[in-house]
C-alpha cells in the first residue's frame, strides 16, 4: 500500500498522510515534528512566564504607590533608588520620600 506524501500545514514539509495529526489550536493537520516543537515552545514559554512573574513580584515589593500633590497623578516610586524624583505627568518635585 502506498502512503501519499502531503504537505504539512504547519511547516510545509512533505510527510506521509498517515502521520499527520490534528492541531486543535490552529485547526489544521500537522506533522509529528510540528506537534513536538509546539510542546517544546509551550515548555519554554511557561518557564519564561514564571521567571517574568517572579521578577514582577520582586519589583512590586520594592516600589510604593504615590499620588502627586500638584496634579493628582498616581505612580510608583522605587524605595531603593527613590526614583522618580519628579512626577512623570507634570514634572512637579516629589516631596517627603
Protein backbone atom coordinates (compact mmCIF):
# COMPACT_ATOMS: atom_id res chain seq x y z
CA UNK A 1 0.00 0.00 0.00
CA UNK A 2 1.25 3.46 -0.91
CA UNK A 3 1.03 6.31 1.62
CA UNK A 4 0.63 9.63 -0.20
CA UNK A 5 3.09 12.39 0.62
CA UNK A 6 1.27 15.59 1.54
CA UNK A 7 2.49 18.99 2.78
CA UNK A 8 2.21 19.73 6.49
CA UNK A 9 0.03 22.80 7.12
CA UNK A 10 2.42 23.98 9.84
CA UNK A 11 5.85 23.75 8.21
CA UNK A 12 5.06 22.79 4.57
CA UNK A 13 7.37 19.75 4.70
CA UNK A 14 6.14 16.72 2.75
CA UNK A 15 5.21 13.86 5.09
CA UNK A 16 3.17 10.65 4.76
CA UNK A 17 -0.54 11.42 5.08
CA UNK A 18 -0.94 8.76 7.78
CA UNK A 19 1.50 10.56 10.09
CA UNK A 20 -0.45 13.84 10.20
CA UNK A 21 -2.14 14.82 13.47
CA UNK A 22 -4.86 17.41 14.10
CA UNK A 23 -3.61 20.52 15.89
CA UNK A 24 -6.70 21.81 17.68
CA UNK A 25 -5.18 25.24 18.34
CA UNK A 26 -4.83 26.08 14.65
CA UNK A 27 -7.44 23.62 13.35
CA UNK A 28 -5.14 22.03 10.77
CA UNK A 29 -3.38 18.74 10.16
CA UNK A 30 0.32 18.98 11.02
CA UNK A 31 3.30 16.62 11.08
CA UNK A 32 4.72 15.00 14.22
CA UNK A 33 7.68 17.42 14.20
CA UNK A 34 5.31 20.40 14.45
CA UNK A 35 3.49 18.75 17.36
CA UNK A 36 6.83 18.07 19.11
CA UNK A 37 8.06 21.62 18.51
CA UNK A 38 4.78 23.01 19.82
CA UNK A 39 5.26 21.14 23.11
CA UNK A 40 8.83 22.42 23.40
CA UNK A 41 7.68 26.01 22.73
CA UNK A 42 4.97 25.71 25.38
CA UNK A 43 7.51 24.48 27.94
CA UNK A 44 9.90 27.32 27.14
CA UNK A 45 7.05 29.83 27.25
CA UNK A 46 5.83 28.60 30.64
CA UNK A 47 9.38 28.78 32.09
CA UNK A 48 9.85 32.30 30.75
CA UNK A 49 6.45 33.37 32.07
CA UNK A 50 7.27 32.13 35.57
CA UNK A 51 10.61 33.98 35.52
CA UNK A 52 8.91 37.21 34.43
CA UNK A 53 6.23 36.72 37.07
CA UNK A 54 8.86 36.28 39.81
CA UNK A 55 10.70 39.39 38.61
CA UNK A 56 7.49 41.43 38.63
CA UNK A 57 6.73 40.31 42.19
CA UNK A 58 10.22 41.35 43.29
CA UNK A 59 9.81 44.75 41.60
CA UNK A 60 6.41 45.31 43.20
CA UNK A 61 7.79 44.79 46.68
CA UNK A 62 10.45 47.46 46.22
CA UNK A 63 8.00 50.11 44.95
CA UNK A 64 5.42 52.20 46.75
CA UNK A 65 2.39 53.96 45.36
CA UNK A 66 2.44 57.77 45.33
CA UNK A 67 -0.04 60.47 44.33
CA UNK A 68 1.29 63.78 43.07
CA UNK A 69 0.21 66.69 45.29
CA UNK A 70 0.17 69.07 42.32
CA UNK A 71 -1.82 67.19 39.66
CA UNK A 72 -3.10 64.04 41.42
CA UNK A 73 -1.32 61.63 39.05
CA UNK A 74 -0.72 58.21 40.62
CA UNK A 75 2.61 56.46 40.05
CA UNK A 76 5.10 54.21 41.85
CA UNK A 77 8.37 55.21 43.45
CA UNK A 78 11.25 52.75 43.83
CA UNK A 79 12.23 52.69 47.51
CA UNK A 80 15.80 51.59 46.78
CA UNK A 81 16.65 54.40 44.36
CA UNK A 82 13.98 56.95 45.38
CA UNK A 83 13.17 57.49 41.71
CA UNK A 84 11.42 59.16 40.02
CA UNK A 85 12.29 62.40 41.78
CA UNK A 86 9.65 64.29 39.76
CA UNK A 87 6.08 63.50 38.76
CA UNK A 88 6.09 61.80 35.32
CA UNK A 89 2.97 63.77 34.32
CA UNK A 90 3.51 67.34 35.48
CA UNK A 91 7.22 67.27 36.48
CA UNK A 92 6.47 68.58 39.99
CA UNK A 93 9.09 67.66 42.60
CA UNK A 94 8.23 64.62 44.76
CA UNK A 95 8.36 65.59 48.44
CA UNK A 96 8.57 63.51 51.61
CA UNK A 97 10.11 60.23 50.45
